[in-house]
Amino acid sequence: EEAGALVIRVSDDGPGAGAASGTGVGLANVRRRLEARFGSAAALEAGPAAGGGFVATVRIPLLRDS
């Protein structure tokens, strides 16, 4: 949990995004689904990791019971 959001981070130490053979359609679909459900309160960030590899981070607002 960070600042009222559930944060899920997935990373690897592979060759990074430059060597990827994908088109990014999956990431775009996840972004659209997050926006449809949570609006601007949720986000998906993805790209090269600082030490090499790739990292994707999803932030979803935590819903609190009243």
N, C-alpha and C. Protein backbone atom coordinates (compact mmCIF):
# COMPACT_ATOMS: atom_id res chain seq x y z
N GLU A 1 0.85 -1.18 0.00
CA GLU A 1 0.00 0.00 0.00
C GLU A 1 0.89 1.24 0.00
N GLU A 2 0.58 2.15 -0.87
CA GLU A 2 1.27 3.44 -0.93
C GLU A 2 0.23 4.53 -1.17
N ALA A 3 0.16 5.49 -0.27
CA ALA A 3 -0.72 6.66 -0.42
C ALA A 3 -2.15 6.28 -0.79
N GLY A 4 -2.71 5.30 -0.10
CA GLY A 4 -4.10 4.92 -0.33
C GLY A 4 -4.35 4.10 -1.57
N ALA A 5 -3.29 3.54 -2.13
CA ALA A 5 -3.45 2.72 -3.33
C ALA A 5 -2.75 1.37 -3.15
N LEU A 6 -3.33 0.35 -3.76
CA LEU A 6 -2.67 -0.94 -3.86
C LEU A 6 -1.67 -0.82 -4.99
N VAL A 7 -0.41 -1.17 -4.73
CA VAL A 7 0.63 -1.07 -5.75
C VAL A 7 1.17 -2.46 -6.03
N ILE A 8 1.10 -2.86 -7.29
CA ILE A 8 1.62 -4.16 -7.73
C ILE A 8 2.74 -3.88 -8.72
N ARG A 9 3.93 -4.38 -8.40
CA ARG A 9 5.09 -4.14 -9.26
C ARG A 9 5.65 -5.48 -9.71
N VAL A 10 5.82 -5.63 -11.02
CA VAL A 10 6.38 -6.85 -11.59
C VAL A 10 7.60 -6.44 -12.41
N SER A 11 8.71 -7.12 -12.17
CA SER A 11 9.92 -6.76 -12.91
C SER A 11 10.71 -8.02 -13.27
N ASP A 12 11.62 -7.85 -14.22
CA ASP A 12 12.53 -8.93 -14.57
C ASP A 12 13.90 -8.33 -14.85
N ASP A 13 14.88 -9.18 -15.06
CA ASP A 13 16.24 -8.71 -15.34
C ASP A 13 16.68 -9.13 -16.74
N GLY A 14 15.71 -9.28 -17.62
CA GLY A 14 15.99 -9.68 -19.01
C GLY A 14 16.60 -8.55 -19.82
N PRO A 15 16.56 -8.68 -21.15
CA PRO A 15 17.21 -7.71 -22.02
C PRO A 15 16.49 -6.36 -22.10
N GLY A 16 15.30 -6.23 -21.54
CA GLY A 16 14.61 -4.94 -21.54
C GLY A 16 13.62 -4.80 -22.67
N ALA A 17 12.98 -3.66 -22.73
CA ALA A 17 11.91 -3.41 -23.71
C ALA A 17 12.42 -3.37 -25.15
N GLY A 18 13.65 -2.95 -25.35
CA GLY A 18 14.19 -2.85 -26.71
C GLY A 18 14.24 -4.19 -27.42
N ALA A 19 14.35 -5.27 -26.66
CA ALA A 19 14.45 -6.60 -27.26
C ALA A 19 13.09 -7.30 -27.34
N ALA A 20 12.05 -6.64 -26.83
CA ALA A 20 10.72 -7.26 -26.79
C ALA A 20 10.14 -7.39 -28.19
N SER A 21 9.41 -8.47 -28.40
CA SER A 21 8.79 -8.68 -29.70
C SER A 21 7.31 -8.31 -29.70
N GLY A 22 6.78 -7.87 -28.57
CA GLY A 22 5.37 -7.53 -28.47
C GLY A 22 5.06 -6.18 -29.09
N THR A 23 3.77 -5.92 -29.20
CA THR A 23 3.31 -4.65 -29.79
C THR A 23 2.76 -3.70 -28.74
N GLY A 24 2.66 -4.12 -27.48
CA GLY A 24 2.13 -3.27 -26.43
C GLY A 24 0.62 -3.29 -26.32
N VAL A 25 -0.04 -4.15 -27.09
CA VAL A 25 -1.50 -4.21 -27.07
C VAL A 25 -2.00 -4.63 -25.69
N GLY A 26 -1.34 -5.59 -25.06
CA GLY A 26 -1.75 -6.05 -23.74
C GLY A 26 -1.67 -4.94 -22.71
N LEU A 27 -0.60 -4.17 -22.71
CA LEU A 27 -0.46 -3.06 -21.77
C LEU A 27 -1.52 -2.00 -22.04
N ALA A 28 -1.78 -1.70 -23.29
CA ALA A 28 -2.81 -0.72 -23.64
C ALA A 28 -4.19 -1.19 -23.18
N ASN A 29 -4.48 -2.48 -23.31
CA ASN A 29 -5.76 -3.02 -22.86
C ASN A 29 -5.90 -2.89 -21.34
N VAL A 30 -4.84 -3.18 -20.60
CA VAL A 30 -4.89 -3.05 -19.15
C VAL A 30 -5.12 -1.60 -18.76
N ARG A 31 -4.43 -0.67 -19.41
CA ARG A 31 -4.62 0.76 -19.12
C ARG A 31 -6.08 1.17 -19.35
N ARG A 32 -6.67 0.73 -20.45
CA ARG A 32 -8.06 1.08 -20.75
C ARG A 32 -9.02 0.49 -19.72
N ARG A 33 -8.77 -0.73 -19.31
CA ARG A 33 -9.64 -1.37 -18.31
C ARG A 33 -9.54 -0.66 -16.96
N LEU A 34 -8.33 -0.30 -16.57
CA LEU A 34 -8.15 0.44 -15.31
C LEU A 34 -8.88 1.78 -15.37
N GLU A 35 -8.74 2.48 -16.48
CA GLU A 35 -9.40 3.78 -16.62
C GLU A 35 -10.92 3.63 -16.62
N ALA A 36 -11.43 2.60 -17.28
CA ALA A 36 -12.88 2.38 -17.32
C ALA A 36 -13.43 2.12 -15.92
N ARG A 37 -12.69 1.43 -15.10
CA ARG A 37 -13.17 1.07 -13.75
C ARG A 37 -12.89 2.14 -12.70
N PHE A 38 -11.68 2.75 -12.76
CA PHE A 38 -11.25 3.65 -11.69
C PHE A 38 -11.00 5.09 -12.14
N GLY A 39 -11.17 5.39 -13.42
CA GLY A 39 -10.88 6.73 -13.92
C GLY A 39 -9.41 7.05 -13.76
N SER A 40 -9.13 8.30 -13.45
CA SER A 40 -7.73 8.72 -13.33
C SER A 40 -7.09 8.31 -12.00
N ALA A 41 -7.85 7.64 -11.12
CA ALA A 41 -7.32 7.22 -9.82
C ALA A 41 -6.42 6.00 -9.92
N ALA A 42 -6.43 5.30 -11.06
CA ALA A 42 -5.59 4.12 -11.25
C ALA A 42 -4.62 4.38 -12.40
N ALA A 43 -3.54 3.61 -12.42
CA ALA A 43 -2.55 3.81 -13.48
C ALA A 43 -1.73 2.55 -13.70
N LEU A 44 -1.17 2.45 -14.90
CA LEU A 44 -0.20 1.43 -15.24
C LEU A 44 1.00 2.14 -15.84
N GLU A 45 2.14 1.94 -15.24
CA GLU A 45 3.40 2.47 -15.77
C GLU A 45 4.27 1.30 -16.13
N ALA A 46 4.89 1.33 -17.30
CA ALA A 46 5.75 0.23 -17.72
C ALA A 46 6.91 0.77 -18.54
N GLY A 47 8.07 0.15 -18.36
CA GLY A 47 9.23 0.57 -19.13
C GLY A 47 10.50 -0.08 -18.61
N PRO A 48 11.63 0.39 -19.11
CA PRO A 48 12.91 -0.19 -18.71
C PRO A 48 13.16 0.00 -17.21
N ALA A 49 13.73 -1.02 -16.58
CA ALA A 49 14.11 -0.93 -15.17
C ALA A 49 15.48 -0.27 -15.07
N ALA A 50 15.73 0.38 -13.94
CA ALA A 50 16.97 1.14 -13.75
C ALA A 50 18.22 0.30 -13.98
N GLY A 51 18.27 -0.92 -13.49
CA GLY A 51 19.46 -1.75 -13.62
C GLY A 51 19.41 -2.72 -14.78
N GLY A 52 18.50 -2.48 -15.73
CA GLY A 52 18.30 -3.41 -16.84
C GLY A 52 17.02 -4.19 -16.62
N GLY A 53 16.51 -4.75 -17.66
CA GLY A 53 15.26 -5.48 -17.58
C GLY A 53 14.07 -4.58 -17.83
N PHE A 54 12.91 -4.98 -17.31
CA PHE A 54 11.64 -4.28 -17.56
C PHE A 54 10.84 -4.30 -16.27
N VAL A 55 10.08 -3.25 -16.02
CA VAL A 55 9.23 -3.17 -14.84
C VAL A 55 7.86 -2.61 -15.21
N ALA A 56 6.82 -3.20 -14.64
CA ALA A 56 5.46 -2.70 -14.80
C ALA A 56 4.87 -2.49 -13.40
N THR A 57 4.25 -1.33 -13.20
CA THR A 57 3.66 -0.99 -11.90
C THR A 57 2.21 -0.61 -12.11
N VAL A 58 1.33 -1.28 -11.37
CA VAL A 58 -0.10 -0.99 -11.41
C VAL A 58 -0.48 -0.35 -10.07
N ARG A 59 -1.23 0.75 -10.14
CA ARG A 59 -1.73 1.42 -8.93
C ARG A 59 -3.25 1.45 -9.01
N ILE A 60 -3.89 0.90 -7.97
CA ILE A 60 -5.35 0.83 -7.91
C ILE A 60 -5.78 1.43 -6.57
N PRO A 61 -6.74 2.35 -6.59
CA PRO A 61 -7.16 2.94 -5.30
C PRO A 61 -7.77 1.89 -4.39
N LEU A 62 -7.44 2.00 -3.11
CA LEU A 62 -8.02 1.11 -2.12
C LEU A 62 -9.40 1.63 -1.74
N LEU A 63 -10.37 0.77 -1.73
CA LEU A 63 -11.73 1.14 -1.35
C LEU A 63 -11.88 0.86 0.13
N ARG A 64 -12.22 1.84 0.88
CA ARG A 64 -12.36 1.71 2.33
C ARG A 64 -13.84 1.58 2.69
N ASP A 65 -14.13 0.70 3.65
CA ASP A 65 -15.49 0.61 4.18
C ASP A 65 -15.75 1.81 5.07
N SER A 66 -16.95 2.33 5.01
CA SER A 66 -17.29 3.50 5.83
C SER A 66 -17.61 3.09 7.24
